[in-house]
Amino acid sequence: MGLFKSSNTEKVVQRDISAATANRERLSTQLADTEQAIARHAAAAKQGALAGDEAELDRAEISLRAAQDRSKTLNAALADVEQDLAALVLERE
C-alpha cells in the first residue's frame, strides 16, 4: 500500500509543478505585455505634454499609472509562483 501512495504523491507533486510552470509562463507573458504598455503610455504622455494636449496627457497618465500598478501586481504574483515552484521542486527531490 505504501508503494502506491508514494507513487501517487509523486504524480501529484509533478502535476503541481507542471501547473506552477504554466502559471509562471502565463504571468511572464502578461508582465512582458504590461511592460510594453508602460512604454507606450509613457510615450503618449510625453507627446501629449509636448503638444500641450491636456486631455491626451491626462488619459495617457491614467493609463500609465494603471499599467504600472498592473506590473507591480504581476511581479508580486510571479514571485509567489516562483517561490511555490521552488518548494515543489524541493519536495519532489
N, C-alpha and C. Protein backbone atom coordinates (compact mmCIF):
# COMPACT_ATOMS: atom_id res chain seq x y z
N MET A 1 0.82 -1.19 0.00
CA MET A 1 0.00 0.00 0.00
C MET A 1 0.86 1.25 0.00
N GLY A 2 1.95 1.27 0.76
CA GLY A 2 2.84 2.41 0.82
C GLY A 2 3.45 2.73 -0.52
N LEU A 3 3.70 1.70 -1.32
CA LEU A 3 4.31 1.89 -2.64
C LEU A 3 3.40 2.71 -3.54
N PHE A 4 2.12 2.42 -3.53
CA PHE A 4 1.18 3.16 -4.37
C PHE A 4 1.00 4.59 -3.87
N LYS A 5 1.00 4.78 -2.58
CA LYS A 5 0.84 6.11 -2.02
C LYS A 5 2.01 7.01 -2.42
N SER A 6 3.23 6.47 -2.37
CA SER A 6 4.41 7.24 -2.76
C SER A 6 4.34 7.63 -4.23
N SER A 7 3.94 6.68 -5.05
CA SER A 7 3.83 6.95 -6.49
C SER A 7 2.76 8.00 -6.75
N ASN A 8 1.64 7.91 -6.05
CA ASN A 8 0.56 8.87 -6.21
C ASN A 8 1.01 10.26 -5.76
N THR A 9 1.74 10.33 -4.68
CA THR A 9 2.25 11.61 -4.19
C THR A 9 3.19 12.23 -5.21
N GLU A 10 4.04 11.43 -5.81
CA GLU A 10 4.96 11.93 -6.83
C GLU A 10 4.19 12.48 -8.03
N LYS A 11 3.12 11.80 -8.40
CA LYS A 11 2.30 12.27 -9.53
C LYS A 11 1.65 13.60 -9.20
N VAL A 12 1.16 13.72 -7.97
CA VAL A 12 0.51 14.96 -7.55
C VAL A 12 1.52 16.11 -7.55
N VAL A 13 2.70 15.86 -7.01
CA VAL A 13 3.74 16.89 -6.98
C VAL A 13 4.13 17.28 -8.40
N GLN A 14 4.29 16.30 -9.27
CA GLN A 14 4.66 16.61 -10.66
C GLN A 14 3.55 17.39 -11.36
N ARG A 15 2.29 17.05 -11.07
CA ARG A 15 1.17 17.80 -11.64
C ARG A 15 1.20 19.24 -11.15
N ASP A 16 1.47 19.42 -9.85
CA ASP A 16 1.54 20.76 -9.28
C ASP A 16 2.71 21.56 -9.87
N ILE A 17 3.82 20.90 -10.11
CA ILE A 17 4.97 21.56 -10.74
C ILE A 17 4.60 22.01 -12.15
N SER A 18 3.93 21.14 -12.89
CA SER A 18 3.52 21.50 -14.25
C SER A 18 2.56 22.68 -14.24
N ALA A 19 1.62 22.68 -13.30
CA ALA A 19 0.66 23.78 -13.20
C ALA A 19 1.37 25.08 -12.82
N ALA A 20 2.30 25.01 -11.88
CA ALA A 20 3.03 26.21 -11.47
C ALA A 20 3.90 26.73 -12.60
N THR A 21 4.50 25.83 -13.36
CA THR A 21 5.32 26.24 -14.50
C THR A 21 4.47 26.94 -15.56
N ALA A 22 3.30 26.38 -15.84
CA ALA A 22 2.39 27.02 -16.80
C ALA A 22 1.94 28.39 -16.30
N ASN A 23 1.66 28.48 -15.01
CA ASN A 23 1.25 29.75 -14.41
C ASN A 23 2.38 30.78 -14.50
N ARG A 24 3.62 30.33 -14.25
CA ARG A 24 4.77 31.21 -14.35
C ARG A 24 4.91 31.75 -15.77
N GLU A 25 4.74 30.88 -16.76
CA GLU A 25 4.85 31.32 -18.16
C GLU A 25 3.75 32.32 -18.51
N ARG A 26 2.53 32.07 -18.02
CA ARG A 26 1.42 32.97 -18.29
C ARG A 26 1.69 34.35 -17.67
N LEU A 27 2.12 34.34 -16.42
CA LEU A 27 2.42 35.61 -15.75
C LEU A 27 3.58 36.35 -16.41
N SER A 28 4.59 35.60 -16.84
CA SER A 28 5.73 36.22 -17.52
C SER A 28 5.30 36.89 -18.81
N THR A 29 4.42 36.24 -19.54
CA THR A 29 3.90 36.81 -20.79
C THR A 29 3.09 38.07 -20.51
N GLN A 30 2.23 38.00 -19.50
CA GLN A 30 1.44 39.18 -19.13
C GLN A 30 2.35 40.32 -18.69
N LEU A 31 3.38 40.01 -17.95
CA LEU A 31 4.29 41.03 -17.47
C LEU A 31 5.02 41.69 -18.64
N ALA A 32 5.46 40.90 -19.60
CA ALA A 32 6.14 41.46 -20.78
C ALA A 32 5.19 42.39 -21.54
N ASP A 33 3.94 41.96 -21.70
CA ASP A 33 2.95 42.81 -22.38
C ASP A 33 2.71 44.10 -21.62
N THR A 34 2.67 44.00 -20.30
CA THR A 34 2.45 45.18 -19.46
C THR A 34 3.62 46.14 -19.55
N GLU A 35 4.83 45.61 -19.58
CA GLU A 35 6.00 46.48 -19.70
C GLU A 35 5.98 47.23 -21.04
N GLN A 36 5.52 46.58 -22.09
CA GLN A 36 5.40 47.27 -23.38
C GLN A 36 4.32 48.35 -23.31
N ALA A 37 3.24 48.05 -22.61
CA ALA A 37 2.17 49.04 -22.46
C ALA A 37 2.67 50.26 -21.68
N ILE A 38 3.49 50.02 -20.66
CA ILE A 38 4.06 51.14 -19.90
C ILE A 38 4.86 52.05 -20.82
N ALA A 39 5.67 51.46 -21.67
CA ALA A 39 6.48 52.26 -22.60
C ALA A 39 5.59 53.04 -23.56
N ARG A 40 4.53 52.40 -24.07
CA ARG A 40 3.61 53.09 -24.98
C ARG A 40 2.91 54.26 -24.29
N HIS A 41 2.42 54.03 -23.07
CA HIS A 41 1.69 55.08 -22.35
C HIS A 41 2.62 56.23 -21.95
N ALA A 42 3.86 55.91 -21.60
CA ALA A 42 4.83 56.96 -21.26
C ALA A 42 5.11 57.82 -22.49
N ALA A 43 5.25 57.18 -23.65
CA ALA A 43 5.48 57.93 -24.89
C ALA A 43 4.27 58.79 -25.24
N ALA A 44 3.07 58.26 -25.04
CA ALA A 44 1.86 59.03 -25.33
C ALA A 44 1.74 60.22 -24.38
N ALA A 45 2.11 60.02 -23.11
CA ALA A 45 2.07 61.13 -22.15
C ALA A 45 3.05 62.22 -22.55
N LYS A 46 4.22 61.81 -22.97
CA LYS A 46 5.23 62.77 -23.41
C LYS A 46 4.73 63.55 -24.61
N GLN A 47 4.13 62.85 -25.56
CA GLN A 47 3.60 63.52 -26.76
C GLN A 47 2.49 64.50 -26.38
N GLY A 48 1.63 64.08 -25.48
CA GLY A 48 0.55 64.96 -25.02
C GLY A 48 1.11 66.21 -24.36
N ALA A 49 2.16 66.02 -23.56
CA ALA A 49 2.79 67.18 -22.90
C ALA A 49 3.43 68.11 -23.93
N LEU A 50 4.16 67.52 -24.88
CA LEU A 50 4.82 68.34 -25.90
C LEU A 50 3.82 69.10 -26.76
N ALA A 51 2.69 68.45 -27.05
CA ALA A 51 1.67 69.09 -27.89
C ALA A 51 0.78 70.05 -27.10
N GLY A 52 0.90 70.01 -25.78
CA GLY A 52 0.03 70.87 -24.97
C GLY A 52 -1.39 70.36 -24.91
N ASP A 53 -1.58 69.09 -25.19
CA ASP A 53 -2.91 68.47 -25.19
C ASP A 53 -3.18 67.89 -23.80
N GLU A 54 -3.83 68.70 -22.96
CA GLU A 54 -4.07 68.30 -21.57
C GLU A 54 -4.94 67.04 -21.47
N ALA A 55 -5.93 66.94 -22.33
CA ALA A 55 -6.81 65.77 -22.29
C ALA A 55 -6.04 64.49 -22.63
N GLU A 56 -5.21 64.57 -23.65
CA GLU A 56 -4.39 63.40 -24.03
C GLU A 56 -3.38 63.07 -22.93
N LEU A 57 -2.79 64.10 -22.36
CA LEU A 57 -1.84 63.88 -21.27
C LEU A 57 -2.52 63.21 -20.08
N ASP A 58 -3.71 63.67 -19.74
CA ASP A 58 -4.46 63.05 -18.63
C ASP A 58 -4.75 61.58 -18.93
N ARG A 59 -5.26 61.31 -20.13
CA ARG A 59 -5.59 59.92 -20.50
C ARG A 59 -4.35 59.03 -20.45
N ALA A 60 -3.25 59.54 -21.00
CA ALA A 60 -2.03 58.74 -21.04
C ALA A 60 -1.48 58.49 -19.65
N GLU A 61 -1.54 59.50 -18.79
CA GLU A 61 -1.04 59.32 -17.43
C GLU A 61 -1.89 58.35 -16.62
N ILE A 62 -3.18 58.39 -16.82
CA ILE A 62 -4.07 57.43 -16.14
C ILE A 62 -3.75 56.02 -16.61
N SER A 63 -3.59 55.86 -17.91
CA SER A 63 -3.26 54.54 -18.45
C SER A 63 -1.88 54.09 -17.98
N LEU A 64 -0.95 55.01 -17.91
CA LEU A 64 0.40 54.70 -17.45
C LEU A 64 0.38 54.21 -16.00
N ARG A 65 -0.33 54.93 -15.15
CA ARG A 65 -0.41 54.51 -13.74
C ARG A 65 -1.08 53.15 -13.60
N ALA A 66 -2.10 52.92 -14.37
CA ALA A 66 -2.78 51.61 -14.31
C ALA A 66 -1.84 50.49 -14.75
N ALA A 67 -1.08 50.73 -15.79
CA ALA A 67 -0.13 49.73 -16.28
C ALA A 67 1.00 49.51 -15.26
N GLN A 68 1.44 50.57 -14.62
CA GLN A 68 2.47 50.44 -13.59
C GLN A 68 1.95 49.64 -12.40
N ASP A 69 0.71 49.90 -12.01
CA ASP A 69 0.09 49.11 -10.92
C ASP A 69 -0.01 47.64 -11.31
N ARG A 70 -0.42 47.41 -12.56
CA ARG A 70 -0.54 46.03 -13.05
C ARG A 70 0.81 45.33 -13.01
N SER A 71 1.85 46.04 -13.39
CA SER A 71 3.19 45.48 -13.38
C SER A 71 3.60 45.06 -11.97
N LYS A 72 3.33 45.90 -10.99
CA LYS A 72 3.66 45.58 -9.59
C LYS A 72 2.90 44.33 -9.14
N THR A 73 1.63 44.26 -9.48
CA THR A 73 0.82 43.11 -9.09
C THR A 73 1.33 41.84 -9.74
N LEU A 74 1.62 41.92 -11.02
CA LEU A 74 2.12 40.74 -11.74
C LEU A 74 3.49 40.30 -11.21
N ASN A 75 4.35 41.26 -10.89
CA ASN A 75 5.65 40.92 -10.31
C ASN A 75 5.50 40.20 -8.97
N ALA A 76 4.57 40.68 -8.14
CA ALA A 76 4.34 40.04 -6.84
C ALA A 76 3.80 38.62 -7.03
N ALA A 77 2.86 38.47 -7.95
CA ALA A 77 2.30 37.14 -8.22
C ALA A 77 3.36 36.20 -8.78
N LEU A 78 4.18 36.72 -9.66
CA LEU A 78 5.25 35.91 -10.24
C LEU A 78 6.25 35.46 -9.17
N ALA A 79 6.57 36.35 -8.25
CA ALA A 79 7.47 35.99 -7.15
C ALA A 79 6.87 34.87 -6.30
N ASP A 80 5.56 34.94 -6.04
CA ASP A 80 4.90 33.89 -5.28
C ASP A 80 4.94 32.56 -6.02
N VAL A 81 4.68 32.59 -7.31
CA VAL A 81 4.70 31.36 -8.10
C VAL A 81 6.11 30.77 -8.13
N GLU A 82 7.10 31.62 -8.29
CA GLU A 82 8.50 31.15 -8.28
C GLU A 82 8.83 30.47 -6.95
N GLN A 83 8.38 31.07 -5.86
CA GLN A 83 8.63 30.51 -4.54
C GLN A 83 7.91 29.16 -4.39
N ASP A 84 6.67 29.10 -4.81
CA ASP A 84 5.91 27.85 -4.75
C ASP A 84 6.57 26.77 -5.60
N LEU A 85 7.01 27.16 -6.78
CA LEU A 85 7.64 26.21 -7.69
C LEU A 85 8.93 25.66 -7.09
N ALA A 86 9.72 26.53 -6.49
CA ALA A 86 10.96 26.08 -5.85
C ALA A 86 10.67 25.09 -4.73
N ALA A 87 9.64 25.36 -3.95
CA ALA A 87 9.26 24.45 -2.86
C ALA A 87 8.81 23.10 -3.41
N LEU A 88 8.07 23.13 -4.50
CA LEU A 88 7.60 21.87 -5.11
C LEU A 88 8.76 21.05 -5.66
N VAL A 89 9.71 21.71 -6.28
CA VAL A 89 10.88 21.01 -6.81
C VAL A 89 11.66 20.37 -5.67
N LEU A 90 11.80 21.08 -4.57
CA LEU A 90 12.48 20.50 -3.40
C LEU A 90 11.72 19.31 -2.85
N GLU A 91 10.41 19.42 -2.83
CA GLU A 91 9.56 18.32 -2.34
C GLU A 91 9.70 17.09 -3.22
N ARG A 92 9.82 17.32 -4.52
CA ARG A 92 9.96 16.20 -5.46
C ARG A 92 11.27 15.46 -5.24
N GLU A 93 12.31 16.20 -4.88
CA GLU A 93 13.62 15.60 -4.69
C GLU A 93 13.64 14.94 -3.37
